[in-house]
Amino acid sequence: MSFENEKVVEIKTCRHCYNQFEITDKNLEFYRKHNLPIPKKHPDQRHLDRISLRNPRKLFDMRCEKCGKDIKTTYSPDRSEIVYCETCYNTEIY
């Protein structure tokens, strides 16, 4: 769905969901300016791909690495990140 002042340059078919999507002259200008490849997936599918990279919406019980206080975090205990409680994080960062 292009805007009034945009011209459709190409109609592509998503390689994942097979829906068609438009590449406008403004899109093409942006991709070329930033040296980006023309997308092969529908914008909705690209959005779903980005969402899938986020941390899960699940909380894990852990302990603060600094003070040992029990905390809830979205980081799984089997990951290597250091997790602090809010107080220790603020003293460490600020």
N, C-alpha and C. Protein backbone atom coordinates (compact mmCIF):
# COMPACT_ATOMS: atom_id res chain seq x y z
N MET A 1 0.84 -1.18 0.00
CA MET A 1 0.00 0.00 0.00
C MET A 1 0.88 1.24 0.00
N SER A 2 1.02 1.88 -1.11
CA SER A 2 1.87 3.05 -1.21
C SER A 2 1.10 4.32 -0.88
N PHE A 3 1.85 5.36 -0.53
CA PHE A 3 1.24 6.65 -0.26
C PHE A 3 1.02 7.39 -1.57
N GLU A 4 0.26 8.47 -1.51
CA GLU A 4 -0.09 9.22 -2.72
C GLU A 4 1.09 9.61 -3.57
N ASN A 5 2.14 10.13 -2.94
CA ASN A 5 3.27 10.66 -3.70
C ASN A 5 4.35 9.61 -3.98
N GLU A 6 4.06 8.35 -3.70
CA GLU A 6 5.03 7.30 -3.96
C GLU A 6 4.61 6.47 -5.17
N LYS A 7 5.60 6.10 -5.93
CA LYS A 7 5.34 5.30 -7.13
C LYS A 7 5.81 3.87 -6.87
N VAL A 8 4.96 2.91 -7.19
CA VAL A 8 5.32 1.50 -7.01
C VAL A 8 6.32 1.14 -8.11
N VAL A 9 7.48 0.66 -7.68
CA VAL A 9 8.53 0.28 -8.61
C VAL A 9 8.46 -1.20 -8.93
N GLU A 10 8.12 -1.98 -7.91
CA GLU A 10 8.11 -3.43 -8.08
C GLU A 10 7.14 -4.06 -7.09
N ILE A 11 6.51 -5.14 -7.49
CA ILE A 11 5.68 -5.92 -6.59
C ILE A 11 6.40 -7.25 -6.40
N LYS A 12 6.69 -7.54 -5.14
CA LYS A 12 7.44 -8.76 -4.80
C LYS A 12 6.52 -9.74 -4.10
N THR A 13 6.91 -11.00 -4.12
CA THR A 13 6.19 -12.05 -3.40
C THR A 13 7.09 -12.53 -2.27
N CYS A 14 6.52 -12.55 -1.07
CA CYS A 14 7.28 -12.95 0.11
C CYS A 14 7.74 -14.40 -0.04
N ARG A 15 9.00 -14.64 0.29
CA ARG A 15 9.53 -16.00 0.16
C ARG A 15 9.08 -16.90 1.32
N HIS A 16 8.47 -16.30 2.33
CA HIS A 16 8.03 -17.07 3.48
C HIS A 16 6.53 -17.34 3.47
N CYS A 17 5.73 -16.27 3.34
CA CYS A 17 4.27 -16.42 3.42
C CYS A 17 3.59 -16.30 2.05
N TYR A 18 4.35 -15.95 1.02
CA TYR A 18 3.87 -15.84 -0.35
C TYR A 18 2.87 -14.70 -0.59
N ASN A 19 2.75 -13.79 0.37
CA ASN A 19 1.92 -12.59 0.16
C ASN A 19 2.71 -11.60 -0.68
N GLN A 20 1.98 -10.82 -1.45
CA GLN A 20 2.66 -9.82 -2.26
C GLN A 20 2.82 -8.52 -1.48
N PHE A 21 3.90 -7.79 -1.78
CA PHE A 21 4.13 -6.48 -1.17
C PHE A 21 4.82 -5.59 -2.19
N GLU A 22 4.68 -4.29 -1.98
CA GLU A 22 5.19 -3.31 -2.92
C GLU A 22 6.53 -2.74 -2.49
N ILE A 23 7.36 -2.48 -3.46
CA ILE A 23 8.59 -1.71 -3.26
C ILE A 23 8.35 -0.40 -4.00
N THR A 24 8.32 0.69 -3.23
CA THR A 24 8.06 2.00 -3.84
C THR A 24 9.38 2.69 -4.17
N ASP A 25 9.28 3.79 -4.89
CA ASP A 25 10.48 4.55 -5.22
C ASP A 25 11.16 5.07 -3.96
N LYS A 26 10.38 5.45 -2.95
CA LYS A 26 10.95 5.94 -1.67
C LYS A 26 11.65 4.79 -0.94
N ASN A 27 11.05 3.61 -0.95
CA ASN A 27 11.70 2.44 -0.34
C ASN A 27 13.04 2.18 -1.01
N LEU A 28 13.01 2.15 -2.32
CA LEU A 28 14.21 1.86 -3.10
C LEU A 28 15.30 2.89 -2.83
N GLU A 29 14.91 4.14 -2.76
CA GLU A 29 15.86 5.21 -2.45
C GLU A 29 16.51 4.98 -1.08
N PHE A 30 15.70 4.62 -0.09
CA PHE A 30 16.21 4.35 1.26
C PHE A 30 17.19 3.17 1.25
N TYR A 31 16.81 2.06 0.62
CA TYR A 31 17.67 0.88 0.58
C TYR A 31 19.00 1.18 -0.09
N ARG A 32 18.96 1.92 -1.17
CA ARG A 32 20.20 2.26 -1.88
C ARG A 32 21.06 3.21 -1.07
N LYS A 33 20.43 4.20 -0.44
CA LYS A 33 21.16 5.18 0.36
C LYS A 33 21.93 4.51 1.50
N HIS A 34 21.32 3.51 2.11
CA HIS A 34 21.93 2.81 3.25
C HIS A 34 22.59 1.50 2.85
N ASN A 35 22.72 1.29 1.55
CA ASN A 35 23.38 0.10 1.02
C ASN A 35 22.76 -1.20 1.59
N LEU A 36 21.44 -1.25 1.57
CA LEU A 36 20.71 -2.40 2.09
C LEU A 36 20.13 -3.21 0.94
N PRO A 37 20.02 -4.51 1.10
CA PRO A 37 19.39 -5.32 0.05
C PRO A 37 17.88 -5.09 0.04
N ILE A 38 17.27 -5.29 -1.08
CA ILE A 38 15.81 -5.19 -1.18
C ILE A 38 15.22 -6.39 -0.44
N PRO A 39 14.24 -6.15 0.43
CA PRO A 39 13.68 -7.24 1.23
C PRO A 39 13.05 -8.34 0.37
N LYS A 40 13.14 -9.55 0.87
CA LYS A 40 12.54 -10.69 0.21
C LYS A 40 11.33 -11.20 0.97
N LYS A 41 11.06 -10.56 2.12
CA LYS A 41 9.92 -10.96 2.94
C LYS A 41 8.94 -9.81 3.07
N HIS A 42 7.68 -10.16 3.23
CA HIS A 42 6.61 -9.19 3.45
C HIS A 42 6.91 -8.40 4.73
N PRO A 43 6.54 -7.12 4.79
CA PRO A 43 6.80 -6.32 6.00
C PRO A 43 6.24 -6.94 7.28
N ASP A 44 5.06 -7.55 7.20
CA ASP A 44 4.50 -8.20 8.39
C ASP A 44 5.38 -9.36 8.85
N GLN A 45 5.91 -10.11 7.91
CA GLN A 45 6.78 -11.24 8.25
C GLN A 45 8.10 -10.75 8.85
N ARG A 46 8.64 -9.65 8.31
CA ARG A 46 9.87 -9.08 8.87
C ARG A 46 9.64 -8.62 10.31
N HIS A 47 8.45 -8.06 10.57
CA HIS A 47 8.11 -7.65 11.93
C HIS A 47 8.04 -8.86 12.86
N LEU A 48 7.39 -9.93 12.42
CA LEU A 48 7.32 -11.15 13.23
C LEU A 48 8.71 -11.72 13.51
N ASP A 49 9.59 -11.65 12.52
CA ASP A 49 10.97 -12.12 12.71
C ASP A 49 11.68 -11.31 13.79
N ARG A 50 11.48 -9.98 13.77
CA ARG A 50 12.12 -9.12 14.80
C ARG A 50 11.57 -9.44 16.18
N ILE A 51 10.25 -9.62 16.26
CA ILE A 51 9.62 -9.93 17.54
C ILE A 51 10.16 -11.25 18.11
N SER A 52 10.40 -12.21 17.25
CA SER A 52 10.87 -13.52 17.71
C SER A 52 12.26 -13.45 18.35
N LEU A 53 13.01 -12.39 18.08
CA LEU A 53 14.35 -12.25 18.66
C LEU A 53 14.33 -11.68 20.07
N ARG A 54 13.18 -11.19 20.50
CA ARG A 54 13.08 -10.60 21.83
C ARG A 54 13.15 -11.67 22.92
N ASN A 55 13.46 -11.22 24.13
CA ASN A 55 13.42 -12.13 25.28
C ASN A 55 11.99 -12.65 25.45
N PRO A 56 11.85 -13.89 25.90
CA PRO A 56 10.50 -14.41 26.11
C PRO A 56 9.79 -13.66 27.22
N ARG A 57 8.48 -13.65 27.16
CA ARG A 57 7.70 -12.97 28.20
C ARG A 57 7.47 -13.95 29.36
N LYS A 58 8.56 -14.40 29.90
CA LYS A 58 8.52 -15.32 31.02
C LYS A 58 9.52 -14.81 32.05
N LEU A 59 9.14 -14.88 33.31
CA LEU A 59 10.04 -14.43 34.36
C LEU A 59 10.69 -15.63 35.05
N PHE A 60 11.96 -15.47 35.36
CA PHE A 60 12.72 -16.51 36.04
C PHE A 60 13.14 -16.02 37.41
N ASP A 61 13.20 -16.92 38.37
CA ASP A 61 13.71 -16.59 39.70
C ASP A 61 15.23 -16.69 39.66
N MET A 62 15.89 -15.61 40.08
CA MET A 62 17.35 -15.60 40.14
C MET A 62 17.78 -14.81 41.37
N ARG A 63 19.07 -14.76 41.58
CA ARG A 63 19.63 -13.96 42.67
C ARG A 63 20.52 -12.88 42.07
N CYS A 64 20.49 -11.72 42.69
CA CYS A 64 21.36 -10.63 42.27
C CYS A 64 22.81 -11.08 42.39
N GLU A 65 23.60 -10.83 41.36
CA GLU A 65 25.01 -11.24 41.35
C GLU A 65 25.84 -10.50 42.40
N LYS A 66 25.37 -9.33 42.83
CA LYS A 66 26.15 -8.53 43.76
C LYS A 66 25.74 -8.75 45.22
N CYS A 67 24.43 -8.66 45.51
CA CYS A 67 24.00 -8.74 46.91
C CYS A 67 23.29 -10.04 47.27
N GLY A 68 22.93 -10.84 46.28
CA GLY A 68 22.29 -12.12 46.54
C GLY A 68 20.79 -12.06 46.77
N LYS A 69 20.19 -10.88 46.61
CA LYS A 69 18.76 -10.71 46.81
C LYS A 69 17.99 -11.51 45.74
N ASP A 70 16.86 -12.14 46.14
CA ASP A 70 16.01 -12.85 45.19
C ASP A 70 15.34 -11.84 44.26
N ILE A 71 15.41 -12.09 42.95
CA ILE A 71 14.80 -11.20 41.97
C ILE A 71 14.10 -12.01 40.89
N LYS A 72 13.26 -11.35 40.11
CA LYS A 72 12.62 -11.94 38.94
C LYS A 72 13.22 -11.25 37.72
N THR A 73 13.52 -12.01 36.67
CA THR A 73 14.13 -11.46 35.47
C THR A 73 13.66 -12.23 34.24
N THR A 74 13.77 -11.59 33.08
CA THR A 74 13.44 -12.26 31.83
C THR A 74 14.62 -13.08 31.31
N TYR A 75 15.79 -12.92 31.94
CA TYR A 75 16.97 -13.68 31.53
C TYR A 75 16.95 -15.07 32.16
N SER A 76 17.05 -16.08 31.33
CA SER A 76 17.05 -17.46 31.79
C SER A 76 18.32 -17.72 32.61
N PRO A 77 18.23 -18.53 33.65
CA PRO A 77 19.40 -18.83 34.48
C PRO A 77 20.53 -19.53 33.71
N ASP A 78 20.22 -20.18 32.61
CA ASP A 78 21.27 -20.87 31.85
C ASP A 78 22.02 -19.93 30.91
N ARG A 79 21.65 -18.65 30.88
CA ARG A 79 22.37 -17.67 30.04
C ARG A 79 23.53 -17.10 30.83
N SER A 80 24.46 -16.46 30.13
CA SER A 80 25.70 -16.01 30.76
C SER A 80 25.67 -14.56 31.25
N GLU A 81 24.56 -13.83 31.03
CA GLU A 81 24.52 -12.44 31.46
C GLU A 81 24.57 -12.30 32.97
N ILE A 82 25.20 -11.22 33.42
CA ILE A 82 25.22 -10.89 34.84
C ILE A 82 23.94 -10.11 35.13
N VAL A 83 23.20 -10.53 36.16
CA VAL A 83 21.93 -9.90 36.48
C VAL A 83 22.00 -9.32 37.89
N TYR A 84 21.63 -8.03 38.00
CA TYR A 84 21.61 -7.34 39.28
C TYR A 84 20.18 -6.97 39.65
N CYS A 85 19.95 -6.79 40.95
CA CYS A 85 18.68 -6.21 41.40
C CYS A 85 18.72 -4.72 41.02
N GLU A 86 17.60 -4.05 41.12
CA GLU A 86 17.53 -2.65 40.69
C GLU A 86 18.49 -1.77 41.49
N THR A 87 18.57 -1.98 42.79
CA THR A 87 19.44 -1.16 43.64
C THR A 87 20.91 -1.33 43.25
N CYS A 88 21.36 -2.57 43.12
CA CYS A 88 22.76 -2.83 42.76
C CYS A 88 23.06 -2.35 41.34
N TYR A 89 22.11 -2.50 40.43
CA TYR A 89 22.30 -2.02 39.08
C TYR A 89 22.51 -0.51 39.08
N ASN A 90 21.67 0.20 39.80
CA ASN A 90 21.79 1.66 39.86
C ASN A 90 23.11 2.11 40.48
N THR A 91 23.58 1.43 41.51
CA THR A 91 24.87 1.82 42.11
C THR A 91 26.03 1.46 41.19
N GLU A 92 25.88 0.39 40.43
CA GLU A 92 26.93 -0.04 39.50
C GLU A 92 27.02 0.89 38.30
N ILE A 93 25.90 1.34 37.79
CA ILE A 93 25.85 2.15 36.57
C ILE A 93 26.00 3.64 36.86
N TYR A 94 25.37 4.14 37.90
CA TYR A 94 25.37 5.60 38.16
C TYR A 94 26.34 5.99 39.21
